[in-house]
Amino acid sequence: MYDFPKAFFSSSADLFLKIELAYLLLGILTLGLIKLSVCLLYWQLFARVVFRRFLMVWIIILVGWTLAFVLSGLLECGSHLNAIFGTPKDYLDHCGSAIPSGWAMVGSDVATDFITLVIPIPVVCTEFWFPYASVLNPLQVLSLHLPPLKKALVAATFLVGAL
């Protein structure tokens, strides 16, 4: 029906692969920024010194995680950046670390999500779940002064983000 030249399809495929790589890298960056924004929300909600020190360390870890996986996605083929956009043989020859790196990103993403969601739980639920746990864990000392039911509701609100 339409008579397109072969160069049209190869340039469209190259453009598609370049857009796909940009989409992948922006997706990883977005995941890191979402986690960072949740940590900054915790920073505003819980103004205790020990908790903020922990958050500073966690924010540094999240920034490192984000930068590591964005650079890993960008440099997965080393100096052969065109291998990403080439034939499958070129990709397999030069980009062997892409699959293990992808699995590492997924696993560490789930772990950092879980840790980010669990961070406020000791602060909110200290007295509700473990009234004498402050002896066991220094973070447990940082508790909100709320009735037990409200503490459970606040904890449930933070865990809604897991959905």
Protein backbone atom coordinates (compact mmCIF):
# COMPACT_ATOMS: atom_id res chain seq x y z
CA MET A 1 0.00 0.00 0.00
CA TYR A 2 2.69 2.50 1.03
CA ASP A 3 6.14 2.30 -0.44
CA PHE A 4 8.52 3.40 2.31
CA PRO A 5 12.26 3.25 1.71
CA LYS A 6 14.28 0.83 3.86
CA ALA A 7 16.20 3.73 5.38
CA PHE A 8 12.94 4.99 6.89
CA PHE A 9 12.46 1.81 8.89
CA SER A 10 16.05 1.56 10.09
CA SER A 11 16.06 5.19 11.23
CA SER A 12 12.68 4.67 12.94
CA ALA A 13 13.99 1.57 14.71
CA ASP A 14 17.09 3.46 15.86
CA LEU A 15 14.93 6.29 17.12
CA PHE A 16 12.68 3.82 18.92
CA LEU A 17 15.66 2.17 20.66
CA LYS A 18 17.09 5.53 21.69
CA ILE A 19 13.72 6.59 23.11
CA GLU A 20 13.46 3.25 24.91
CA LEU A 21 16.89 3.76 26.52
CA ALA A 22 15.93 7.29 27.59
CA TYR A 23 12.66 5.92 29.00
CA LEU A 24 14.55 3.27 30.98
CA LEU A 25 17.02 5.77 32.41
CA LEU A 26 14.30 8.28 33.29
CA GLY A 27 12.32 5.48 34.95
CA ILE A 28 15.23 4.61 37.22
CA LEU A 29 15.77 8.30 38.00
CA THR A 30 12.06 8.65 38.79
CA LEU A 31 12.15 5.71 41.21
CA GLY A 32 15.04 7.31 43.06
CA LEU A 33 13.35 10.71 43.20
CA ILE A 34 10.12 9.18 44.55
CA LYS A 35 12.02 7.46 47.34
CA LEU A 36 13.89 10.68 48.05
CA SER A 37 10.62 12.63 48.26
CA VAL A 38 9.21 10.11 50.76
CA CYS A 39 12.34 10.47 52.88
CA LEU A 40 12.03 14.25 52.77
CA LEU A 41 8.43 13.88 53.92
CA TYR A 42 9.68 11.85 56.88
CA TRP A 43 12.26 14.59 57.49
CA GLN A 44 9.46 17.13 57.85
CA LEU A 45 7.22 14.89 59.98
CA PHE A 46 9.77 13.58 62.47
CA ALA A 47 12.09 16.27 63.79
CA ARG A 48 14.20 14.14 66.13
CA VAL A 49 17.99 14.39 65.82
CA VAL A 50 18.72 10.65 65.83
CA PHE A 51 15.99 9.97 63.28
CA ARG A 52 17.26 12.76 61.01
CA ARG A 53 20.79 11.39 61.20
CA PHE A 54 19.50 8.03 60.07
CA LEU A 55 17.54 9.74 57.28
CA MET A 56 20.65 11.61 56.11
CA VAL A 57 22.50 8.31 55.77
CA TRP A 58 19.52 6.71 54.03
CA ILE A 59 19.17 9.65 51.61
CA ILE A 60 22.86 9.34 50.71
CA ILE A 61 22.36 5.62 50.08
CA LEU A 62 19.33 6.34 47.87
CA VAL A 63 21.16 8.99 45.86
CA GLY A 64 24.04 6.54 45.38
CA TRP A 65 21.61 3.79 44.35
CA THR A 66 19.96 6.06 41.81
CA LEU A 67 23.21 7.29 40.30
CA ALA A 68 24.68 3.79 40.20
CA PHE A 69 21.80 2.29 38.26
CA VAL A 70 21.36 5.25 35.91
CA LEU A 71 25.06 5.02 35.05
CA SER A 72 24.81 1.24 34.84
CA GLY A 73 21.98 1.53 32.34
CA LEU A 74 23.82 4.16 30.34
CA LEU A 75 27.16 2.39 30.33
CA GLU A 76 26.01 -1.22 30.19
CA CYS A 77 27.93 -1.74 26.94
CA GLY A 78 31.04 0.07 28.07
CA SER A 79 32.53 2.18 25.31
CA HIS A 80 30.30 0.49 22.70
CA LEU A 81 27.21 2.64 23.19
CA ASN A 82 26.02 1.91 19.65
CA ALA A 83 25.82 -1.81 20.50
CA ILE A 84 22.61 -1.03 22.41
CA PHE A 85 21.07 0.15 19.16
CA GLY A 86 22.71 -2.46 16.92
CA THR A 87 21.92 -6.06 16.11
CA PRO A 88 21.17 -8.60 18.84
CA LYS A 89 24.60 -10.18 18.19
CA ASP A 90 26.34 -6.83 18.81
CA TYR A 91 24.31 -6.38 21.96
CA LEU A 92 25.20 -9.84 23.31
CA ASP A 93 28.87 -9.42 22.39
CA HIS A 94 29.34 -6.08 24.12
CA CYS A 95 26.57 -5.86 26.74
CA GLY A 96 26.85 -9.10 28.69
CA SER A 97 26.29 -7.46 32.08
CA ALA A 98 22.85 -6.06 31.24
CA ILE A 99 20.78 -8.96 32.58
CA PRO A 100 22.55 -9.39 35.96
CA SER A 101 22.51 -5.61 36.35
CA GLY A 102 18.76 -5.61 35.66
CA TRP A 103 18.13 -8.29 38.27
CA ALA A 104 20.30 -6.39 40.76
CA MET A 105 18.29 -3.23 40.09
CA VAL A 106 14.97 -5.00 40.61
CA GLY A 107 16.08 -6.73 43.81
CA SER A 108 17.64 -3.64 45.34
CA ASP A 109 14.63 -1.55 44.26
CA VAL A 110 12.27 -3.82 46.18
CA ALA A 111 14.59 -3.80 49.20
CA THR A 112 14.95 0.00 49.24
CA ASP A 113 11.18 0.39 48.79
CA PHE A 114 10.57 -1.87 51.77
CA ILE A 115 13.12 -0.10 53.96
CA THR A 116 11.79 3.33 52.96
CA LEU A 117 8.25 2.28 53.87
CA VAL A 118 9.30 0.72 57.18
CA ILE A 119 11.42 3.68 58.36
CA PRO A 120 8.62 5.51 60.24
CA ILE A 121 7.06 2.40 61.79
CA PRO A 122 9.36 2.24 64.85
CA VAL A 123 8.74 5.94 65.44
CA VAL A 124 4.96 5.67 65.16
CA CYS A 125 4.35 2.35 66.88
CA THR A 126 6.89 2.26 69.67
CA GLU A 127 4.51 2.33 72.56
CA PHE A 128 1.64 0.62 70.75
CA TRP A 129 3.46 -2.61 69.86
CA PHE A 130 6.42 -2.70 72.22
CA PRO A 131 6.00 -0.46 75.23
CA TYR A 132 9.43 -1.41 76.64
CA ALA A 133 11.32 -1.78 73.36
CA SER A 134 13.17 1.52 73.77
CA VAL A 135 15.70 -0.39 75.84
CA LEU A 136 16.41 -2.68 72.86
CA ASN A 137 16.62 -0.16 70.01
CA PRO A 138 17.65 3.49 70.14
CA LEU A 139 15.32 4.38 67.24
CA GLN A 140 12.39 3.14 69.30
CA VAL A 141 12.88 6.06 71.69
CA LEU A 142 11.57 8.38 68.98
CA SER A 143 7.86 7.91 69.43
CA LEU A 144 4.87 10.08 68.76
CA HIS A 145 2.62 11.04 71.62
CA LEU A 146 -0.62 9.60 70.29
CA PRO A 147 -3.19 7.17 71.60
CA PRO A 148 -2.54 3.56 70.52
CA LEU A 149 -5.38 3.51 67.97
CA LYS A 150 -4.11 6.65 66.26
CA LYS A 151 -0.58 5.21 66.19
CA ALA A 152 -1.89 2.11 64.42
CA LEU A 153 -3.81 4.29 61.93
CA VAL A 154 -0.77 6.45 61.19
CA ALA A 155 1.32 3.30 60.64
CA ALA A 156 -1.33 1.93 58.30
CA THR A 157 -1.32 5.24 56.41
CA PHE A 158 2.43 4.99 55.81
CA LEU A 159 2.06 1.39 54.65
CA VAL A 160 -0.59 2.34 52.07
CA GLY A 161 2.36 3.39 49.90
CA ALA A 162 3.28 -0.29 49.59
CA LEU A 163 0.24 -0.86 47.42
